[in-house]
Amino acid sequence: MATTLTSKGQVTIPKQIRDALGLAPGCSVDFAVNRDGDVVVHKVGARTSRKPDRFEAARGKADVKWRTDDLMALLRGGD
């Protein structure tokens, strides 16, 4: 599996590798080089190891189904 290095030094980890390591957005990875010069990627922690930001904490909590026009009127102080 080949991938291309960007001008910022970034690469995309191929999906097969992400799946095999159980990597998801927010997971930490560690890179090492073994004696043969091969790069080894290790999963460091799960996504839950970081504190959710305030938007993640609130996501999916609303139990009111707003219509866009009603919400905009409320936010703008519509008459």
PDB file of N, CA and C in Angstrom:
ATOM      1  N   MET A   1       0.841  -1.184   0.000  1.00  0.00           N
ATOM      2  CA  MET A   1       0.000   0.000   0.000  1.00  0.00           C
ATOM      3  C   MET A   1       0.881   1.239   0.000  1.00  0.00           C
ATOM      4  N   ALA A   2       0.792   2.005  -1.001  1.00  0.00           N
ATOM      5  CA  ALA A   2       1.577   3.232  -1.085  1.00  0.00           C
ATOM      6  C   ALA A   2       0.680   4.428  -0.808  1.00  0.00           C
ATOM      7  N   THR A   3       1.259   5.476  -0.274  1.00  0.00           N
ATOM      8  CA  THR A   3       0.553   6.726  -0.047  1.00  0.00           C
ATOM      9  C   THR A   3       1.522   7.856  -0.347  1.00  0.00           C
ATOM     10  N   THR A   4       1.036   9.067  -0.473  1.00  0.00           N
ATOM     11  CA  THR A   4       1.869  10.196  -0.863  1.00  0.00           C
ATOM     12  C   THR A   4       2.063  11.149   0.310  1.00  0.00           C
ATOM     13  N   LEU A   5       3.288  11.596   0.481  1.00  0.00           N
ATOM     14  CA  LEU A   5       3.625  12.559   1.523  1.00  0.00           C
ATOM     15  C   LEU A   5       3.243  13.950   1.034  1.00  0.00           C
ATOM     16  N   THR A   6       2.525  14.714   1.862  1.00  0.00           N
ATOM     17  CA  THR A   6       2.143  16.073   1.488  1.00  0.00           C
ATOM     18  C   THR A   6       3.294  17.029   1.752  1.00  0.00           C
ATOM     19  N   SER A   7       3.146  18.267   1.314  1.00  0.00           N
ATOM     20  CA  SER A   7       4.172  19.286   1.548  1.00  0.00           C
ATOM     21  C   SER A   7       4.325  19.604   3.034  1.00  0.00           C
ATOM     22  N   LYS A   8       3.321  19.258   3.834  1.00  0.00           N
ATOM     23  CA  LYS A   8       3.388  19.466   5.284  1.00  0.00           C
ATOM     24  C   LYS A   8       3.936  18.240   6.020  1.00  0.00           C
ATOM     25  N   GLY A   9       4.352  17.216   5.280  1.00  0.00           N
ATOM     26  CA  GLY A   9       4.896  16.013   5.906  1.00  0.00           C
ATOM     27  C   GLY A   9       3.823  15.076   6.415  1.00  0.00           C
ATOM     28  N   GLN A  10       2.613  15.173   5.908  1.00  0.00           N
ATOM     29  CA  GLN A  10       1.505  14.343   6.361  1.00  0.00           C
ATOM     30  C   GLN A  10       1.220  13.220   5.369  1.00  0.00           C
ATOM     31  N   VAL A  11       0.729  12.104   5.893  1.00  0.00           N
ATOM     32  CA  VAL A  11       0.279  10.994   5.055  1.00  0.00           C
ATOM     33  C   VAL A  11      -1.069  10.512   5.576  1.00  0.00           C
ATOM     34  N   THR A  12      -1.819   9.862   4.704  1.00  0.00           N
ATOM     35  CA  THR A  12      -3.062   9.230   5.112  1.00  0.00           C
ATOM     36  C   THR A  12      -2.760   7.775   5.423  1.00  0.00           C
ATOM     37  N   ILE A  13      -3.153   7.326   6.600  1.00  0.00           N
ATOM     38  CA  ILE A  13      -2.985   5.919   6.961  1.00  0.00           C
ATOM     39  C   ILE A  13      -4.056   5.141   6.206  1.00  0.00           C
ATOM     40  N   PRO A  14      -3.661   4.164   5.392  1.00  0.00           N
ATOM     41  CA  PRO A  14      -4.645   3.415   4.603  1.00  0.00           C
ATOM     42  C   PRO A  14      -5.716   2.763   5.478  1.00  0.00           C
ATOM     43  N   LYS A  15      -6.923   2.649   4.926  1.00  0.00           N
ATOM     44  CA  LYS A  15      -8.071   2.120   5.670  1.00  0.00           C
ATOM     45  C   LYS A  15      -7.798   0.725   6.234  1.00  0.00           C
ATOM     46  N   GLN A  16      -7.137  -0.147   5.474  1.00  0.00           N
ATOM     47  CA  GLN A  16      -6.839  -1.495   5.985  1.00  0.00           C
ATOM     48  C   GLN A  16      -6.018  -1.428   7.264  1.00  0.00           C
ATOM     49  N   ILE A  17      -5.063  -0.513   7.320  1.00  0.00           N
ATOM     50  CA  ILE A  17      -4.214  -0.361   8.503  1.00  0.00           C
ATOM     51  C   ILE A  17      -5.031   0.233   9.653  1.00  0.00           C
ATOM     52  N   ARG A  18      -5.822   1.262   9.357  1.00  0.00           N
ATOM     53  CA  ARG A  18      -6.665   1.870  10.405  1.00  0.00           C
ATOM     54  C   ARG A  18      -7.602   0.831  11.005  1.00  0.00           C
ATOM     55  N   ASP A  19      -8.212   0.017  10.149  1.00  0.00           N
ATOM     56  CA  ASP A  19      -9.130  -1.016  10.631  1.00  0.00           C
ATOM     57  C   ASP A  19      -8.392  -2.061  11.462  1.00  0.00           C
ATOM     58  N   ALA A  20      -7.219  -2.481  11.002  1.00  0.00           N
ATOM     59  CA  ALA A  20      -6.461  -3.514  11.716  1.00  0.00           C
ATOM     60  C   ALA A  20      -6.029  -3.042  13.098  1.00  0.00           C
ATOM     61  N   LEU A  21      -5.709  -1.746  13.227  1.00  0.00           N
ATOM     62  CA  LEU A  21      -5.281  -1.208  14.519  1.00  0.00           C
ATOM     63  C   LEU A  21      -6.446  -0.669  15.346  1.00  0.00           C
ATOM     64  N   GLY A  22      -7.626  -0.617  14.755  1.00  0.00           N
ATOM     65  CA  GLY A  22      -8.784  -0.064  15.464  1.00  0.00           C
ATOM     66  C   GLY A  22      -8.676   1.436  15.643  1.00  0.00           C
ATOM     67  N   LEU A  23      -8.100   2.111  14.658  1.00  0.00           N
ATOM     68  CA  LEU A  23      -7.921   3.556  14.743  1.00  0.00           C
ATOM     69  C   LEU A  23      -9.184   4.286  14.311  1.00  0.00           C
ATOM     70  N   ALA A  24      -9.517   5.322  15.039  1.00  0.00           N
ATOM     71  CA  ALA A  24     -10.662   6.172  14.726  1.00  0.00           C
ATOM     72  C   ALA A  24     -10.208   7.619  14.880  1.00  0.00           C
ATOM     73  N   PRO A  25     -10.944   8.568  14.325  1.00  0.00           N
ATOM     74  CA  PRO A  25     -10.559   9.971  14.507  1.00  0.00           C
ATOM     75  C   PRO A  25     -10.382  10.293  15.986  1.00  0.00           C
ATOM     76  N   GLY A  26      -9.295  10.946  16.314  1.00  0.00           N
ATOM     77  CA  GLY A  26      -9.003  11.297  17.697  1.00  0.00           C
ATOM     78  C   GLY A  26      -8.076  10.324  18.400  1.00  0.00           C
ATOM     79  N   CYS A  27      -7.835   9.145  17.818  1.00  0.00           N
ATOM     80  CA  CYS A  27      -6.909   8.175  18.420  1.00  0.00           C
ATOM     81  C   CYS A  27      -5.479   8.695  18.303  1.00  0.00           C
ATOM     82  N   SER A  28      -4.676   8.376  19.301  1.00  0.00           N
ATOM     83  CA  SER A  28      -3.258   8.714  19.256  1.00  0.00           C
ATOM     84  C   SER A  28      -2.477   7.545  18.695  1.00  0.00           C
ATOM     85  N   VAL A  29      -1.465   7.848  17.900  1.00  0.00           N
ATOM     86  CA  VAL A  29      -0.591   6.810  17.354  1.00  0.00           C
ATOM     87  C   VAL A  29       0.855   7.174  17.657  1.00  0.00           C
ATOM     88  N   ASP A  30       1.680   6.152  17.733  1.00  0.00           N
ATOM     89  CA  ASP A  30       3.099   6.333  17.980  1.00  0.00           C
ATOM     90  C   ASP A  30       3.853   5.713  16.809  1.00  0.00           C
ATOM     91  N   PHE A  31       4.881   6.401  16.318  1.00  0.00           N
ATOM     92  CA  PHE A  31       5.692   5.906  15.218  1.00  0.00           C
ATOM     93  C   PHE A  31       7.070   5.531  15.763  1.00  0.00           C
ATOM     94  N   ALA A  32       7.604   4.420  15.290  1.00  0.00           N
ATOM     95  CA  ALA A  32       8.939   3.982  15.672  1.00  0.00           C
ATOM     96  C   ALA A  32       9.617   3.387  14.444  1.00  0.00           C
ATOM     97  N   VAL A  33      10.943   3.352  14.484  1.00  0.00           N
ATOM     98  CA  VAL A  33      11.717   2.719  13.419  1.00  0.00           C
ATOM     99  C   VAL A  33      12.448   1.535  14.040  1.00  0.00           C
ATOM    100  N   ASN A  34      12.244   0.334  13.474  1.00  0.00           N
ATOM    101  CA  ASN A  34      12.904  -0.850  14.029  1.00  0.00           C
ATOM    102  C   ASN A  34      14.319  -1.003  13.469  1.00  0.00           C
ATOM    103  N   ARG A  35      15.019  -2.041  13.892  1.00  0.00           N
ATOM    104  CA  ARG A  35      16.419  -2.257  13.479  1.00  0.00           C
ATOM    105  C   ARG A  35      16.591  -2.414  11.976  1.00  0.00           C
ATOM    106  N   ASP A  36      15.550  -2.897  11.315  1.00  0.00           N
ATOM    107  CA  ASP A  36      15.616  -3.092   9.863  1.00  0.00           C
ATOM    108  C   ASP A  36      15.296  -1.816   9.084  1.00  0.00           C
ATOM    109  N   GLY A  37      14.957  -0.735   9.790  1.00  0.00           N
ATOM    110  CA  GLY A  37      14.618   0.524   9.135  1.00  0.00           C
ATOM    111  C   GLY A  37      13.162   0.643   8.753  1.00  0.00           C
ATOM    112  N   ASP A  38      12.337  -0.309   9.213  1.00  0.00           N
ATOM    113  CA  ASP A  38      10.902  -0.257   8.930  1.00  0.00           C
ATOM    114  C   ASP A  38      10.207   0.659   9.928  1.00  0.00           C
ATOM    115  N   VAL A  39       9.246   1.410   9.447  1.00  0.00           N
ATOM    116  CA  VAL A  39       8.453   2.262  10.325  1.00  0.00           C
ATOM    117  C   VAL A  39       7.316   1.422  10.886  1.00  0.00           C
ATOM    118  N   VAL A  40       7.129   1.502  12.207  1.00  0.00           N
ATOM    119  CA  VAL A  40       6.087   0.750  12.889  1.00  0.00           C
ATOM    120  C   VAL A  40       5.117   1.743  13.527  1.00  0.00           C
ATOM    121  N   VAL A  41       3.824   1.502  13.326  1.00  0.00           N
ATOM    122  CA  VAL A  41       2.786   2.363  13.901  1.00  0.00           C
ATOM    123  C   VAL A  41       2.088   1.598  15.007  1.00  0.00           C
ATOM    124  N   HIS A  42       1.986   2.224  16.187  1.00  0.00           N
ATOM    125  CA  HIS A  42       1.308   1.621  17.333  1.00  0.00           C
ATOM    126  C   HIS A  42       0.150   2.521  17.758  1.00  0.00           C
ATOM    127  N   LYS A  43      -0.952   1.917  18.110  1.00  0.00           N
ATOM    128  CA  LYS A  43      -2.074   2.659  18.678  1.00  0.00           C
ATOM    129  C   LYS A  43      -1.740   2.968  20.126  1.00  0.00           C
ATOM    130  N   VAL A  44      -1.824   4.235  20.519  1.00  0.00           N
ATOM    131  CA  VAL A  44      -1.489   4.646  21.877  1.00  0.00           C
ATOM    132  C   VAL A  44      -2.706   4.607  22.776  1.00  0.00           C
ATOM    133  N   GLY A  45      -3.788   5.215  22.367  1.00  0.00           N
ATOM    134  CA  GLY A  45      -4.959   5.278  23.223  1.00  0.00           C
ATOM    135  C   GLY A  45      -6.220   5.384  22.409  1.00  0.00           C
ATOM    136  N   ALA A  46      -7.317   5.194  23.080  1.00  0.00           N
ATOM    137  CA  ALA A  46      -8.616   5.273  22.417  1.00  0.00           C
ATOM    138  C   ALA A  46      -9.094   6.710  22.400  1.00  0.00           C
ATOM    139  N   ARG A  47     -10.066   6.941  21.588  1.00  0.00           N
ATOM    140  CA  ARG A  47     -10.659   8.259  21.441  1.00  0.00           C
ATOM    141  C   ARG A  47     -11.177   8.803  22.766  1.00  0.00           C
ATOM    142  N   THR A  48     -11.584   7.916  23.665  1.00  0.00           N
ATOM    143  CA  THR A  48     -12.157   8.349  24.935  1.00  0.00           C
ATOM    144  C   THR A  48     -11.103   8.874  25.898  1.00  0.00           C
ATOM    145  N   SER A  49      -9.806   8.761  25.544  1.00  0.00           N
ATOM    146  CA  SER A  49      -8.758   9.221  26.447  1.00  0.00           C
ATOM    147  C   SER A  49      -8.666  10.744  26.490  1.00  0.00           C
ATOM    148  N   ARG A  50      -9.285  11.427  25.545  1.00  0.00           N
ATOM    149  CA  ARG A  50      -9.260  12.879  25.582  1.00  0.00           C
ATOM    150  C   ARG A  50     -10.615  13.403  26.044  1.00  0.00           C
ATOM    151  N   LYS A  51     -10.591  14.573  26.646  1.00  0.00           N
ATOM    152  CA  LYS A  51     -11.815  15.191  27.136  1.00  0.00           C
ATOM    153  C   LYS A  51     -12.620  15.731  25.952  1.00  0.00           C
ATOM    154  N   PRO A  52     -13.917  15.402  25.870  1.00  0.00           N
ATOM    155  CA  PRO A  52     -14.718  15.921  24.759  1.00  0.00           C
ATOM    156  C   PRO A  52     -14.818  17.437  24.828  1.00  0.00           C
ATOM    157  N   ASP A  53     -14.794  18.093  23.679  1.00  0.00           N
ATOM    158  CA  ASP A  53     -14.956  19.538  23.697  1.00  0.00           C
ATOM    159  C   ASP A  53     -16.417  19.874  23.999  1.00  0.00           C
ATOM    160  N   ARG A  54     -16.703  21.124  24.211  1.00  0.00           N
ATOM    161  CA  ARG A  54     -18.052  21.511  24.647  1.00  0.00           C
ATOM    162  C   ARG A  54     -19.118  21.186  23.618  1.00  0.00           C
ATOM    163  N   PHE A  55     -18.758  21.144  22.348  1.00  0.00           N
ATOM    164  CA  PHE A  55     -19.733  20.826  21.313  1.00  0.00           C
ATOM    165  C   PHE A  55     -20.023  19.327  21.294  1.00  0.00           C
ATOM    166  N   GLU A  56     -18.973  18.495  21.463  1.00  0.00           N
ATOM    167  CA  GLU A  56     -19.187  17.051  21.523  1.00  0.00           C
ATOM    168  C   GLU A  56     -20.062  16.697  22.727  1.00  0.00           C
ATOM    169  N   ALA A  57     -19.828  17.365  23.846  1.00  0.00           N
ATOM    170  CA  ALA A  57     -20.587  17.073  25.053  1.00  0.00           C
ATOM    171  C   ALA A  57     -22.073  17.388  24.873  1.00  0.00           C
ATOM    172  N   ALA A  58     -22.392  18.401  24.055  1.00  0.00           N
ATOM    173  CA  ALA A  58     -23.783  18.808  23.856  1.00  0.00           C
ATOM    174  C   ALA A  58     -24.444  18.117  22.665  1.00  0.00           C
ATOM    175  N   ARG A  59     -23.663  17.524  21.796  1.00  0.00           N
ATOM    176  CA  ARG A  59     -24.193  16.935  20.572  1.00  0.00           C
ATOM    177  C   ARG A  59     -25.233  15.861  20.877  1.00  0.00           C
ATOM    178  N   GLY A  60     -26.385  15.979  20.239  1.00  0.00           N
ATOM    179  CA  GLY A  60     -27.436  14.984  20.392  1.00  0.00           C
ATOM    180  C   GLY A  60     -28.273  15.127  21.646  1.00  0.00           C
ATOM    181  N   LYS A  61     -28.140  16.228  22.384  1.00  0.00           N
ATOM    182  CA  LYS A  61     -28.857  16.389  23.648  1.00  0.00           C
ATOM    183  C   LYS A  61     -30.216  17.070  23.500  1.00  0.00           C
ATOM    184  N   ALA A  62     -30.428  17.781  22.400  1.00  0.00           N
ATOM    185  CA  ALA A  62     -31.678  18.523  22.243  1.00  0.00           C
ATOM    186  C   ALA A  62     -32.838  17.557  22.029  1.00  0.00           C
ATOM    187  N   ASP A  63     -33.924  17.802  22.750  1.00  0.00           N
ATOM    188  CA  ASP A  63     -35.098  16.956  22.583  1.00  0.00           C
ATOM    189  C   ASP A  63     -36.249  17.724  21.927  1.00  0.00           C
ATOM    190  N   VAL A  64     -35.990  18.971  21.540  1.00  0.00           N
ATOM    191  CA  VAL A  64     -36.991  19.801  20.870  1.00  0.00           C
ATOM    192  C   VAL A  64     -36.684  19.798  19.380  1.00  0.00           C
ATOM    193  N   LYS A  65     -37.679  19.516  18.571  1.00  0.00           N
ATOM    194  CA  LYS A  65     -37.499  19.528  17.121  1.00  0.00           C
ATOM    195  C   LYS A  65     -37.866  20.908  16.603  1.00  0.00           C
ATOM    196  N   TRP A  66     -36.851  21.739  16.351  1.00  0.00           N
ATOM    197  CA  TRP A  66     -37.072  23.095  15.889  1.00  0.00           C
ATOM    198  C   TRP A  66     -37.222  23.127  14.374  1.00  0.00           C
ATOM    199  N   ARG A  67     -38.109  23.981  13.931  1.00  0.00           N
ATOM    200  CA  ARG A  67     -38.140  24.314  12.515  1.00  0.00           C
ATOM    201  C   ARG A  67     -37.165  25.464  12.334  1.00  0.00           C
ATOM    202  N   THR A  68     -36.474  25.504  11.221  1.00  0.00           N
ATOM    203  CA  THR A  68     -35.446  26.515  10.993  1.00  0.00           C
ATOM    204  C   THR A  68     -35.996  27.926  11.147  1.00  0.00           C
ATOM    205  N   ASP A  69     -37.158  28.197  10.577  1.00  0.00           N
ATOM    206  CA  ASP A  69     -37.734  29.550  10.665  1.00  0.00           C
ATOM    207  C   ASP A  69     -38.014  29.936  12.112  1.00  0.00           C
ATOM    208  N   ASP A  70     -38.546  29.008  12.910  1.00  0.00           N
ATOM    209  CA  ASP A  70     -38.842  29.293  14.314  1.00  0.00           C
ATOM    210  C   ASP A  70     -37.558  29.553  15.103  1.00  0.00           C
ATOM    211  N   LEU A  71     -36.529  28.750  14.868  1.00  0.00           N
ATOM    212  CA  LEU A  71     -35.268  28.922  15.576  1.00  0.00           C
ATOM    213  C   LEU A  71     -34.614  30.248  15.208  1.00  0.00           C
ATOM    214  N   MET A  72     -34.606  30.584  13.921  1.00  0.00           N
ATOM    215  CA  MET A  72     -34.012  31.852  13.496  1.00  0.00           C
ATOM    216  C   MET A  72     -34.768  33.037  14.081  1.00  0.00           C
ATOM    217  N   ALA A  73     -36.068  32.944  14.137  1.00  0.00           N
ATOM    218  CA  ALA A  73     -36.866  34.026  14.739  1.00  0.00           C
ATOM    219  C   ALA A  73     -36.530  34.170  16.214  1.00  0.00           C
ATOM    220  N   LEU A  74     -36.365  33.071  16.913  1.00  0.00           N
ATOM    221  CA  LEU A  74     -36.013  33.115  18.330  1.00  0.00           C
ATOM    222  C   LEU A  74     -34.627  33.738  18.509  1.00  0.00           C
ATOM    223  N   LEU A  75     -33.655  33.300  17.714  1.00  0.00           N
ATOM    224  CA  LEU A  75     -32.292  33.797  17.849  1.00  0.00           C
ATOM    225  C   LEU A  75     -32.157  35.258  17.457  1.00  0.00           C
ATOM    226  N   ARG A  76     -32.923  35.683  16.468  1.00  0.00           N
ATOM    227  CA  ARG A  76     -32.818  37.054  15.983  1.00  0.00           C
ATOM    228  C   ARG A  76     -33.788  38.001  16.685  1.00  0.00           C
ATOM    229  N   GLY A  77     -34.621  37.454  17.544  1.00  0.00           N
ATOM    230  CA  GLY A  77     -35.609  38.296  18.208  1.00  0.00           C
ATOM    231  C   GLY A  77     -36.678  38.755  17.236  1.00  0.00           C
ATOM    232  N   GLY A  78     -37.065  37.842  16.345  1.00  0.00           N
ATOM    233  CA  GLY A  78     -38.032  38.150  15.278  1.00  0.00           C
ATOM    234  C   GLY A  78     -39.356  38.642  15.814  1.00  0.00           C
ATOM    235  N   ASP A  79     -39.963  39.474  15.045  1.00  0.00           N
ATOM    236  CA  ASP A  79     -41.267  40.027  15.420  1.00  0.00           C
ATOM    237  C   ASP A  79     -42.393  39.266  14.786  1.00  0.00           C
TER     238      ASP A  79
END
